[in-house]
PDB file of N, CA and C in Angstrom:
ATOM      1  N   MET A   1      19.086  42.648  29.395  1.00  0.00           N
ATOM      2  CA  MET A   1      18.203  41.825  29.405  1.00  0.00           C
ATOM      3  C   MET A   1      17.159  42.057  28.204  1.00  0.00           C
ATOM      4  N   SER A   2      16.812  43.725  28.178  1.00  0.00           N
ATOM      5  CA  SER A   2      15.855  43.961  26.941  1.00  0.00           C
ATOM      6  C   SER A   2      16.371  44.215  25.984  1.00  0.00           C
ATOM      7  N   GLY A   3      17.574  43.574  25.490  1.00  0.00           N
ATOM      8  CA  GLY A   3      18.857  43.587  24.125  1.00  0.00           C
ATOM      9  C   GLY A   3      18.155  42.486  23.619  1.00  0.00           C
ATOM     10  N   TYR A   4      17.638  41.470  24.284  1.00  0.00           N
ATOM     11  CA  TYR A   4      17.147  39.732  23.839  1.00  0.00           C
ATOM     12  C   TYR A   4      15.749  39.555  23.040  1.00  0.00           C
ATOM     13  N   ALA A   5      15.174  41.054  23.764  1.00  0.00           N
ATOM     14  CA  ALA A   5      13.751  40.876  23.167  1.00  0.00           C
ATOM     15  C   ALA A   5      13.185  39.800  21.865  1.00  0.00           C
ATOM     16  N   ASP A   6      14.307  40.330  20.792  1.00  0.00           N
ATOM     17  CA  ASP A   6      13.941  40.030  19.407  1.00  0.00           C
ATOM     18  C   ASP A   6      13.945  38.489  19.380  1.00  0.00           C
ATOM     19  N   LEU A   7      14.619  37.563  20.144  1.00  0.00           N
ATOM     20  CA  LEU A   7      15.281  36.102  19.587  1.00  0.00           C
ATOM     21  C   LEU A   7      14.425  35.286  19.497  1.00  0.00           C
ATOM     22  N   ASN A   8      13.097  35.526  20.665  1.00  0.00           N
ATOM     23  CA  ASN A   8      12.250  34.296  20.484  1.00  0.00           C
ATOM     24  C   ASN A   8      11.111  35.228  20.049  1.00  0.00           C
ATOM     25  N   ARG A   9      11.159  35.464  18.601  1.00  0.00           N
ATOM     26  CA  ARG A   9      10.616  35.725  17.602  1.00  0.00           C
ATOM     27  C   ARG A   9      10.208  35.207  16.547  1.00  0.00           C
ATOM     28  N   TYR A  10       8.936  34.865  15.706  1.00  0.00           N
ATOM     29  CA  TYR A  10       8.585  34.551  14.700  1.00  0.00           C
ATOM     30  C   TYR A  10       9.124  35.693  13.447  1.00  0.00           C
ATOM     31  N   ASP A  11      10.000  34.582  12.479  1.00  0.00           N
ATOM     32  CA  ASP A  11      10.550  35.629  11.522  1.00  0.00           C
ATOM     33  C   ASP A  11       9.697  34.937  10.221  1.00  0.00           C
ATOM     34  N   GLU A  12       8.919  35.884   9.527  1.00  0.00           N
ATOM     35  CA  GLU A  12       8.464  35.704   8.306  1.00  0.00           C
ATOM     36  C   GLU A  12       9.147  35.627   7.271  1.00  0.00           C
ATOM     37  N   SER A  13      10.064  35.798   6.926  1.00  0.00           N
ATOM     38  CA  SER A  13      10.772  35.634   5.836  1.00  0.00           C
ATOM     39  C   SER A  13      11.899  34.472   6.191  1.00  0.00           C
ATOM     40  N   VAL A  14      11.568  33.545   7.010  1.00  0.00           N
ATOM     41  CA  VAL A  14      12.518  32.514   7.490  1.00  0.00           C
ATOM     42  C   VAL A  14      11.297  31.350   6.904  1.00  0.00           C
ATOM     43  N   GLY A  15      10.049  31.638   7.453  1.00  0.00           N
ATOM     44  CA  GLY A  15       8.649  30.503   7.220  1.00  0.00           C
ATOM     45  C   GLY A  15       8.877  29.744   8.286  1.00  0.00           C
ATOM     46  N   ASP A  16       8.013  28.411   8.152  1.00  0.00           N
ATOM     47  CA  ASP A  16       7.667  27.079   8.745  1.00  0.00           C
ATOM     48  C   ASP A  16       8.568  26.306   8.739  1.00  0.00           C
ATOM     49  N   PRO A  17       9.580  25.233   9.919  1.00  0.00           N
ATOM     50  CA  PRO A  17      10.074  24.557   9.437  1.00  0.00           C
ATOM     51  C   PRO A  17       9.088  23.286   8.440  1.00  0.00           C
ATOM     52  N   ALA A  18       9.953  22.666   8.010  1.00  0.00           N
ATOM     53  CA  ALA A  18       9.245  20.992   7.797  1.00  0.00           C
ATOM     54  C   ALA A  18       8.766  20.470   8.730  1.00  0.00           C
ATOM     55  N   PRO A  19       7.905  19.644   8.467  1.00  0.00           N
ATOM     56  CA  PRO A  19       7.235  18.669   9.360  1.00  0.00           C
ATOM     57  C   PRO A  19       8.086  17.277   9.264  1.00  0.00           C
ATOM     58  N   PRO A  20       8.015  17.149  10.638  1.00  0.00           N
ATOM     59  CA  PRO A  20       8.886  15.910  10.809  1.00  0.00           C
ATOM     60  C   PRO A  20       8.069  14.702  10.040  1.00  0.00           C
ATOM     61  N   PHE A  21       9.554  14.113   9.627  1.00  0.00           N
ATOM     62  CA  PHE A  21       8.897  12.723   8.804  1.00  0.00           C
ATOM     63  C   PHE A  21       7.867  11.508   9.983  1.00  0.00           C
ATOM     64  N   ASP A  22       7.067  11.317   8.758  1.00  0.00           N
ATOM     65  CA  ASP A  22       6.071  10.469   9.529  1.00  0.00           C
ATOM     66  C   ASP A  22       6.363   9.424   8.697  1.00  0.00           C
ATOM     67  N   PRO A  23       6.579   8.288   9.309  1.00  0.00           N
ATOM     68  CA  PRO A  23       6.981   6.808   8.893  1.00  0.00           C
ATOM     69  C   PRO A  23       5.539   5.846   8.400  1.00  0.00           C
ATOM     70  N   LEU A  24       4.353   6.479   8.478  1.00  0.00           N
ATOM     71  CA  LEU A  24       3.022   5.589   8.836  1.00  0.00           C
ATOM     72  C   LEU A  24       3.374   4.762   7.690  1.00  0.00           C
ATOM     73  N   ARG A  25       3.813   5.283   5.943  1.00  0.00           N
ATOM     74  CA  ARG A  25       3.957   4.459   5.194  1.00  0.00           C
ATOM     75  C   ARG A  25       4.277   2.866   5.225  1.00  0.00           C
ATOM     76  N   LEU A  26       5.453   3.046   6.254  1.00  0.00           N
ATOM     77  CA  LEU A  26       6.040   1.761   6.910  1.00  0.00           C
ATOM     78  C   LEU A  26       5.094   1.209   7.603  1.00  0.00           C
ATOM     79  N   CYS A  27       4.336   1.836   8.721  1.00  0.00           N
ATOM     80  CA  CYS A  27       3.674   1.297   9.347  1.00  0.00           C
ATOM     81  C   CYS A  27       2.422   0.183   8.512  1.00  0.00           C
ATOM     82  N   VAL A  28       1.449   0.884   7.791  1.00  0.00           N
ATOM     83  CA  VAL A  28       0.846   0.367   6.593  1.00  0.00           C
ATOM     84  C   VAL A  28       2.029  -0.809   5.867  1.00  0.00           C
ATOM     85  N   PHE A  29       2.661  -0.743   5.432  1.00  0.00           N
ATOM     86  CA  PHE A  29       3.244  -1.928   4.214  1.00  0.00           C
ATOM     87  C   PHE A  29       3.886  -3.212   5.841  1.00  0.00           C
ATOM     88  N   THR A  30       4.077  -2.845   6.983  1.00  0.00           N
ATOM     89  CA  THR A  30       4.073  -4.265   8.015  1.00  0.00           C
ATOM     90  C   THR A  30       2.836  -4.692   8.476  1.00  0.00           C
ATOM     91  N   THR A  31       2.083  -3.962   8.185  1.00  0.00           N
ATOM     92  CA  THR A  31       0.494  -4.537   8.696  1.00  0.00           C
ATOM     93  C   THR A  31       0.231  -5.199   7.554  1.00  0.00           C
ATOM     94  N   VAL A  32       0.085  -4.656   6.337  1.00  0.00           N
ATOM     95  CA  VAL A  32       0.053  -5.680   5.197  1.00  0.00           C
ATOM     96  C   VAL A  32       0.628  -6.961   5.112  1.00  0.00           C
ATOM     97  N   ALA A  33       1.950  -6.844   5.212  1.00  0.00           N
ATOM     98  CA  ALA A  33       2.966  -7.846   5.495  1.00  0.00           C
ATOM     99  C   ALA A  33       2.501  -9.139   6.486  1.00  0.00           C
ATOM    100  N   LEU A  34       1.751  -8.055   7.461  1.00  0.00           N
ATOM    101  CA  LEU A  34       1.899  -9.314   8.944  1.00  0.00           C
ATOM    102  C   LEU A  34       0.454 -10.017   8.547  1.00  0.00           C
ATOM    103  N   ILE A  35      -0.584  -9.306   7.532  1.00  0.00           N
ATOM    104  CA  ILE A  35      -1.599 -10.215   6.863  1.00  0.00           C
ATOM    105  C   ILE A  35      -1.577 -10.839   6.341  1.00  0.00           C
ATOM    106  N   ALA A  36      -0.573 -10.664   5.149  1.00  0.00           N
ATOM    107  CA  ALA A  36      -0.167 -11.733   4.538  1.00  0.00           C
ATOM    108  C   ALA A  36       0.119 -12.890   4.933  1.00  0.00           C
ATOM    109  N   CYS A  37       1.019 -12.569   6.141  1.00  0.00           N
ATOM    110  CA  CYS A  37       1.973 -13.180   6.541  1.00  0.00           C
ATOM    111  C   CYS A  37       0.873 -14.628   7.165  1.00  0.00           C
ATOM    112  N   VAL A  38       0.150 -14.154   7.847  1.00  0.00           N
ATOM    113  CA  VAL A  38      -0.897 -15.128   8.506  1.00  0.00           C
ATOM    114  C   VAL A  38      -2.144 -15.373   7.657  1.00  0.00           C
ATOM    115  N   LEU A  39      -2.594 -14.862   6.522  1.00  0.00           N
ATOM    116  CA  LEU A  39      -3.623 -15.099   5.729  1.00  0.00           C
ATOM    117  C   LEU A  39      -2.910 -15.953   4.286  1.00  0.00           C
ATOM    118  N   GLY A  40      -1.736 -15.819   4.057  1.00  0.00           N
ATOM    119  CA  GLY A  40      -1.328 -15.980   2.765  1.00  0.00           C
ATOM    120  C   GLY A  40      -1.905 -15.689   1.873  1.00  0.00           C
ATOM    121  N   PRO A  41      -2.654 -16.670   0.711  1.00  0.00           N
ATOM    122  CA  PRO A  41      -2.867 -16.164  -0.567  1.00  0.00           C
ATOM    123  C   PRO A  41      -4.545 -16.280  -0.166  1.00  0.00           C
ATOM    124  N   VAL A  42      -4.457 -15.807   1.072  1.00  0.00           N
ATOM    125  CA  VAL A  42      -6.811 -15.307   0.608  1.00  0.00           C
ATOM    126  C   VAL A  42      -6.241 -14.214   0.820  1.00  0.00           C
ATOM    127  N   ALA A  43      -4.838 -13.713   1.760  1.00  0.00           N
ATOM    128  CA  ALA A  43      -5.077 -11.870   1.625  1.00  0.00           C
ATOM    129  C   ALA A  43      -4.692 -11.758   0.836  1.00  0.00           C
ATOM    130  N   VAL A  44      -3.884 -12.098   0.078  1.00  0.00           N
ATOM    131  CA  VAL A  44      -3.168 -11.708  -1.420  1.00  0.00           C
ATOM    132  C   VAL A  44      -4.541 -11.536  -2.488  1.00  0.00           C
ATOM    133  N   LEU A  45      -5.069 -12.267  -2.278  1.00  0.00           N
ATOM    134  CA  LEU A  45      -6.318 -12.592  -3.105  1.00  0.00           C
ATOM    135  C   LEU A  45      -7.130 -11.430  -3.181  1.00  0.00           C
ATOM    136  N   ALA A  46      -7.361 -11.057  -1.812  1.00  0.00           N
ATOM    137  CA  ALA A  46      -8.692 -10.046  -1.028  1.00  0.00           C
ATOM    138  C   ALA A  46      -8.036  -9.128  -1.612  1.00  0.00           C
ATOM    139  N   PHE A  47      -6.218  -9.037  -1.377  1.00  0.00           N
ATOM    140  CA  PHE A  47      -5.708  -7.321  -1.685  1.00  0.00           C
ATOM    141  C   PHE A  47      -5.680  -6.993  -3.139  1.00  0.00           C
ATOM    142  N   SER A  48      -5.763  -8.323  -3.614  1.00  0.00           N
ATOM    143  CA  SER A  48      -5.880  -7.774  -5.487  1.00  0.00           C
ATOM    144  C   SER A  48      -6.821  -7.203  -6.005  1.00  0.00           C
ATOM    145  N   VAL A  49      -8.106  -8.441  -5.170  1.00  0.00           N
ATOM    146  CA  VAL A  49      -9.354  -7.859  -6.150  1.00  0.00           C
ATOM    147  C   VAL A  49      -9.962  -6.823  -5.461  1.00  0.00           C
ATOM    148  N   ILE A  50      -9.824  -6.535  -4.357  1.00  0.00           N
ATOM    149  CA  ILE A  50     -10.051  -4.840  -4.660  1.00  0.00           C
ATOM    150  C   ILE A  50      -9.471  -3.810  -5.041  1.00  0.00           C
ATOM    151  N   ALA A  51      -7.841  -4.179  -4.806  1.00  0.00           N
ATOM    152  CA  ALA A  51      -6.781  -3.168  -6.150  1.00  0.00           C
ATOM    153  C   ALA A  51      -7.669  -3.349  -7.818  1.00  0.00           C
ATOM    154  N   ILE A  52      -8.170  -4.687  -8.098  1.00  0.00           N
ATOM    155  CA  ILE A  52      -8.142  -4.705  -9.639  1.00  0.00           C
ATOM    156  C   ILE A  52      -9.766  -3.779  -9.631  1.00  0.00           C
ATOM    157  N   ALA A  53     -10.774  -3.662  -8.309  1.00  0.00           N
ATOM    158  CA  ALA A  53     -11.734  -2.665  -8.459  1.00  0.00           C
ATOM    159  C   ALA A  53     -11.729  -1.719  -8.746  1.00  0.00           C
ATOM    160  N   GLY A  54     -10.545  -1.173  -7.530  1.00  0.00           N
ATOM    161  CA  GLY A  54      -9.979   0.275  -7.330  1.00  0.00           C
ATOM    162  C   GLY A  54      -9.561   0.791  -8.950  1.00  0.00           C
ATOM    163  N   TYR A  55      -8.606  -0.030  -9.796  1.00  0.00           N
ATOM    164  CA  TYR A  55      -8.091   0.553 -10.748  1.00  0.00           C
ATOM    165  C   TYR A  55      -8.873   0.190 -11.680  1.00  0.00           C
ATOM    166  N   ALA A  56      -9.909  -0.255 -11.972  1.00  0.00           N
ATOM    167  CA  ALA A  56     -10.867  -0.709 -12.989  1.00  0.00           C
ATOM    168  C   ALA A  56     -11.911   0.526 -12.708  1.00  0.00           C
ATOM    169  N   ARG A  57     -12.291   0.964 -11.654  1.00  0.00           N
ATOM    170  CA  ARG A  57     -12.906   2.260 -11.281  1.00  0.00           C
ATOM    171  C   ARG A  57     -12.196   3.456 -11.651  1.00  0.00           C
ATOM    172  N   ALA A  58     -10.961   3.583 -11.649  1.00  0.00           N
ATOM    173  CA  ALA A  58     -10.262   4.690 -12.034  1.00  0.00           C
ATOM    174  C   ALA A  58      -9.825   4.662 -13.471  1.00  0.00           C
ATOM    175  N   ARG A  59      -9.849   3.712 -14.043  1.00  0.00           N
ATOM    176  CA  ARG A  59      -9.431   3.495 -15.811  1.00  0.00           C
ATOM    177  C   ARG A  59     -10.446   4.048 -16.380  1.00  0.00           C
ATOM    178  N   ARG A  60     -12.014   3.555 -15.773  1.00  0.00           N
ATOM    179  CA  ARG A  60     -13.285   3.855 -16.488  1.00  0.00           C
ATOM    180  C   ARG A  60     -13.423   5.790 -15.983  1.00  0.00           C
ATOM    181  N   ALA A  61     -12.810   6.025 -15.626  1.00  0.00           N
ATOM    182  CA  ALA A  61     -13.416   7.349 -15.055  1.00  0.00           C
ATOM    183  C   ALA A  61     -12.102   8.802 -15.782  1.00  0.00           C
ATOM    184  N   GLY A  62     -10.939   7.761 -16.113  1.00  0.00           N
ATOM    185  CA  GLY A  62     -10.199   8.035 -16.962  1.00  0.00           C
ATOM    186  C   GLY A  62      -8.520   8.109 -16.783  1.00  0.00           C
ATOM    187  N   LEU A  63      -8.289   7.403 -15.609  1.00  0.00           N
ATOM    188  CA  LEU A  63      -7.089   7.381 -15.706  1.00  0.00           C
ATOM    189  C   LEU A  63      -6.361   6.207 -16.275  1.00  0.00           C
ATOM    190  N   LEU A  64      -5.468   7.089 -16.976  1.00  0.00           N
ATOM    191  CA  LEU A  64      -4.202   6.140 -17.769  1.00  0.00           C
ATOM    192  C   LEU A  64      -2.787   5.763 -17.462  1.00  0.00           C
ATOM    193  N   ARG A  65      -2.687   6.645 -16.603  1.00  0.00           N
ATOM    194  CA  ARG A  65      -1.151   6.024 -16.060  1.00  0.00           C
ATOM    195  C   ARG A  65      -1.389   6.275 -14.530  1.00  0.00           C
ATOM    196  N   SER A  66      -0.922   5.289 -13.623  1.00  0.00           N
ATOM    197  CA  SER A  66      -0.621   5.344 -12.715  1.00  0.00           C
ATOM    198  C   SER A  66       0.919   5.419 -11.718  1.00  0.00           C
ATOM    199  N   HIS A  67       0.839   5.925 -10.358  1.00  0.00           N
ATOM    200  CA  HIS A  67       2.052   5.950  -9.701  1.00  0.00           C
ATOM    201  C   HIS A  67       2.725   5.099  -9.545  1.00  0.00           C
ATOM    202  N   CYS A  68       2.048   4.084  -9.663  1.00  0.00           N
ATOM    203  CA  CYS A  68       2.842   2.463  -9.697  1.00  0.00           C
ATOM    204  C   CYS A  68       3.685   2.375 -10.482  1.00  0.00           C
ATOM    205  N   LYS A  69       5.048   1.869 -10.251  1.00  0.00           N
ATOM    206  CA  LYS A  69       6.026   1.439 -11.139  1.00  0.00           C
ATOM    207  C   LYS A  69       5.602   1.332 -12.676  1.00  0.00           C
ATOM    208  N   LEU A  70       4.784   0.038 -12.427  1.00  0.00           N
ATOM    209  CA  LEU A  70       4.191  -0.276 -14.121  1.00  0.00           C
ATOM    210  C   LEU A  70       3.927   0.948 -15.030  1.00  0.00           C
ATOM    211  N   GLY A  71       3.301   2.365 -14.070  1.00  0.00           N
ATOM    212  CA  GLY A  71       2.874   2.958 -14.966  1.00  0.00           C
ATOM    213  C   GLY A  71       1.420   2.951 -15.913  1.00  0.00           C
ATOM    214  N   ASP A  72       1.570   2.235 -16.845  1.00  0.00           N
ATOM    215  CA  ASP A  72      -0.150   2.281 -17.549  1.00  0.00           C
ATOM    216  C   ASP A  72      -0.772   1.467 -16.693  1.00  0.00           C
ATOM    217  N   THR A  73      -1.796   1.932 -17.051  1.00  0.00           N
ATOM    218  CA  THR A  73      -2.952   0.903 -15.987  1.00  0.00           C
ATOM    219  C   THR A  73      -3.276   0.072 -16.350  1.00  0.00           C
ATOM    220  N   ARG A  74      -3.152  -0.308 -17.594  1.00  0.00           N
ATOM    221  CA  ARG A  74      -3.647  -1.879 -18.274  1.00  0.00           C
ATOM    222  C   ARG A  74      -2.708  -2.652 -17.938  1.00  0.00           C
ATOM    223  N   LEU A  75      -1.438  -2.212 -17.743  1.00  0.00           N
ATOM    224  CA  LEU A  75      -0.142  -3.435 -16.830  1.00  0.00           C
ATOM    225  C   LEU A  75      -0.535  -3.400 -15.416  1.00  0.00           C
ATOM    226  N   VAL A  76      -0.976  -2.909 -14.708  1.00  0.00           N
ATOM    227  CA  VAL A  76      -1.221  -2.491 -13.459  1.00  0.00           C
ATOM    228  C   VAL A  76      -2.869  -3.916 -12.996  1.00  0.00           C
ATOM    229  N   LEU A  77      -3.114  -3.204 -14.109  1.00  0.00           N
ATOM    230  CA  LEU A  77      -4.452  -4.321 -14.413  1.00  0.00           C
ATOM    231  C   LEU A  77      -4.603  -5.990 -14.418  1.00  0.00           C
ATOM    232  N   ALA A  78      -3.410  -5.773 -15.098  1.00  0.00           N
ATOM    233  CA  ALA A  78      -2.906  -7.215 -15.640  1.00  0.00           C
ATOM    234  C   ALA A  78      -2.061  -8.212 -14.818  1.00  0.00           C
ATOM    235  N   TYR A  79      -0.912  -7.344 -14.386  1.00  0.00           N
ATOM    236  CA  TYR A  79      -0.848  -7.351 -13.010  1.00  0.00           C
ATOM    237  C   TYR A  79      -0.978  -8.057 -12.050  1.00  0.00           C
ATOM    238  N   LEU A  80      -2.115  -7.457 -11.632  1.00  0.00           N
ATOM    239  CA  LEU A  80      -3.172  -7.505 -10.377  1.00  0.00           C
ATOM    240  C   LEU A  80      -4.059  -8.808 -10.993  1.00  0.00           C
ATOM    241  N   THR A  81      -4.095  -9.038 -11.806  1.00  0.00           N
ATOM    242  CA  THR A  81      -5.149 -10.185 -12.615  1.00  0.00           C
ATOM    243  C   THR A  81      -4.170 -11.574 -12.222  1.00  0.00           C
ATOM    244  N   VAL A  82      -3.202 -11.413 -12.661  1.00  0.00           N
ATOM    245  CA  VAL A  82      -2.152 -12.587 -12.438  1.00  0.00           C
ATOM    246  C   VAL A  82      -1.773 -13.083 -11.037  1.00  0.00           C
ATOM    247  N   LEU A  83      -1.568 -11.772 -10.127  1.00  0.00           N
ATOM    248  CA  LEU A  83      -1.872 -12.164  -8.304  1.00  0.00           C
ATOM    249  C   LEU A  83      -3.068 -13.065  -8.076  1.00  0.00           C
ATOM    250  N   ALA A  84      -4.220 -12.020  -7.979  1.00  0.00           N
ATOM    251  CA  ALA A  84      -5.569 -12.566  -7.997  1.00  0.00           C
ATOM    252  C   ALA A  84      -5.407 -14.418  -8.526  1.00  0.00           C
ATOM    253  N   VAL A  85      -5.310 -14.641  -9.963  1.00  0.00           N
ATOM    254  CA  VAL A  85      -5.559 -16.078  -9.951  1.00  0.00           C
ATOM    255  C   VAL A  85      -4.354 -16.928  -9.765  1.00  0.00           C
ATOM    256  N   ALA A  86      -3.155 -16.510  -9.124  1.00  0.00           N
ATOM    257  CA  ALA A  86      -2.158 -17.257  -8.921  1.00  0.00           C
ATOM    258  C   ALA A  86      -2.691 -17.229  -7.247  1.00  0.00           C
ATOM    259  N   SER A  87      -2.865 -16.512  -6.473  1.00  0.00           N
ATOM    260  CA  SER A  87      -3.442 -16.723  -5.092  1.00  0.00           C
ATOM    261  C   SER A  87      -5.115 -17.658  -5.095  1.00  0.00           C
ATOM    262  N   ALA A  88      -5.583 -17.805  -6.165  1.00  0.00           N
ATOM    263  CA  ALA A  88      -6.806 -18.718  -5.893  1.00  0.00           C
ATOM    264  C   ALA A  88      -6.121 -19.595  -6.060  1.00  0.00           C
ATOM    265  N   VAL A  89      -5.130 -20.062  -7.279  1.00  0.00           N
ATOM    266  CA  VAL A  89      -4.871 -21.547  -7.551  1.00  0.00           C
ATOM    267  C   VAL A  89      -4.503 -21.683  -5.820  1.00  0.00           C
ATOM    268  N   ALA A  90      -3.589 -20.831  -5.612  1.00  0.00           N
ATOM    269  CA  ALA A  90      -2.564 -21.359  -4.432  1.00  0.00           C
ATOM    270  C   ALA A  90      -3.526 -21.717  -3.105  1.00  0.00           C
ATOM    271  N   ILE A  91      -4.955 -21.229  -3.126  1.00  0.00           N
ATOM    272  CA  ILE A  91      -5.580 -21.445  -1.847  1.00  0.00           C
ATOM    273  C   ILE A  91      -5.886 -22.935  -1.438  1.00  0.00           C
ATOM    274  N   PRO A  92      -6.250 -23.397  -2.312  1.00  0.00           N
ATOM    275  CA  PRO A  92      -6.328 -25.121  -1.744  1.00  0.00           C
ATOM    276  C   PRO A  92      -5.099 -25.673  -1.235  1.00  0.00           C
ATOM    277  N   PHE A  93      -3.758 -25.496  -1.938  1.00  0.00           N
ATOM    278  CA  PHE A  93      -2.791 -26.153  -1.547  1.00  0.00           C
ATOM    279  C   PHE A  93      -2.449 -25.686  -0.219  1.00  0.00           C
ATOM    280  N   TRP A  94      -2.274 -24.152   0.258  1.00  0.00           N
ATOM    281  CA  TRP A  94      -2.238 -23.705   1.363  1.00  0.00           C
ATOM    282  C   TRP A  94      -2.900 -24.413   2.373  1.00  0.00           C
ATOM    283  N   ILE A  95      -4.011 -24.745   2.108  1.00  0.00           N
ATOM    284  CA  ILE A  95      -5.710 -25.276   3.086  1.00  0.00           C
ATOM    285  C   ILE A  95      -4.554 -26.688   3.505  1.00  0.00           C
ATOM    286  N   ALA A  96      -4.287 -27.521   2.298  1.00  0.00           N
ATOM    287  CA  ALA A  96      -4.039 -28.288   2.401  1.00  0.00           C
ATOM    288  C   ALA A  96      -2.705 -28.700   2.866  1.00  0.00           C
ATOM    289  N   LEU A  97      -1.712 -28.141   3.206  1.00  0.00           N
ATOM    290  CA  LEU A  97      -0.583 -27.821   3.926  1.00  0.00           C
ATOM    291  C   LEU A  97      -0.861 -27.405   5.358  1.00  0.00           C
ATOM    292  N   TRP A  98      -1.832 -26.750   5.818  1.00  0.00           N
ATOM    293  CA  TRP A  98      -2.365 -26.493   7.093  1.00  0.00           C
ATOM    294  C   TRP A  98      -2.689 -27.542   7.743  1.00  0.00           C
ATOM    295  N   ILE A  99      -3.808 -28.360   6.972  1.00  0.00           N
ATOM    296  CA  ILE A  99      -4.759 -29.357   7.193  1.00  0.00           C
ATOM    297  C   ILE A  99      -3.437 -30.509   7.811  1.00  0.00           C
ATOM    298  N   HIS A 100      -2.246 -30.631   6.554  1.00  0.00           N
ATOM    299  CA  HIS A 100      -1.418 -31.595   6.876  1.00  0.00           C
ATOM    300  C   HIS A 100      -0.491 -31.476   8.195  1.00  0.00           C
ATOM    301  N   VAL A 101      -0.357 -30.228   8.848  1.00  0.00           N
ATOM    302  CA  VAL A 101       0.515 -29.793   9.375  1.00  0.00           C
ATOM    303  C   VAL A 101       0.107 -29.813  10.726  1.00  0.00           C
ATOM    304  N   LEU A 102      -1.404 -29.418  10.920  1.00  0.00           N
ATOM    305  CA  LEU A 102      -2.366 -29.649  12.336  1.00  0.00           C
ATOM    306  C   LEU A 102      -2.583 -30.494  12.373  1.00  0.00           C
ATOM    307  N   GLY A 103      -3.058 -31.846  11.268  1.00  0.00           N
ATOM    308  CA  GLY A 103      -3.730 -32.760  11.517  1.00  0.00           C
ATOM    309  C   GLY A 103      -2.697 -34.014  11.729  1.00  0.00           C
TER     310      GLY A 103
END
């Protein structure tokens, strides 16, 4: 048995194994989708206003390129503004739909 003493030792030349994949983002995306599904355009408006405030603050602090697919923070802000306006316009129609469905 003494010949196997080195089998369960840490080998520094190999290093640590990679941590397992944590699908936290998938959980976050699912939660955001659920909120959007339940609250409809109200959720879209709330998230877009929060994002506009965050991107505007980051742009004032010097962020010109985002990790967002749109890249330029001006494009991201324009996209978020269009979503905010569209959702604000949609809210009265969404409320009317719920009144009609529940009434």
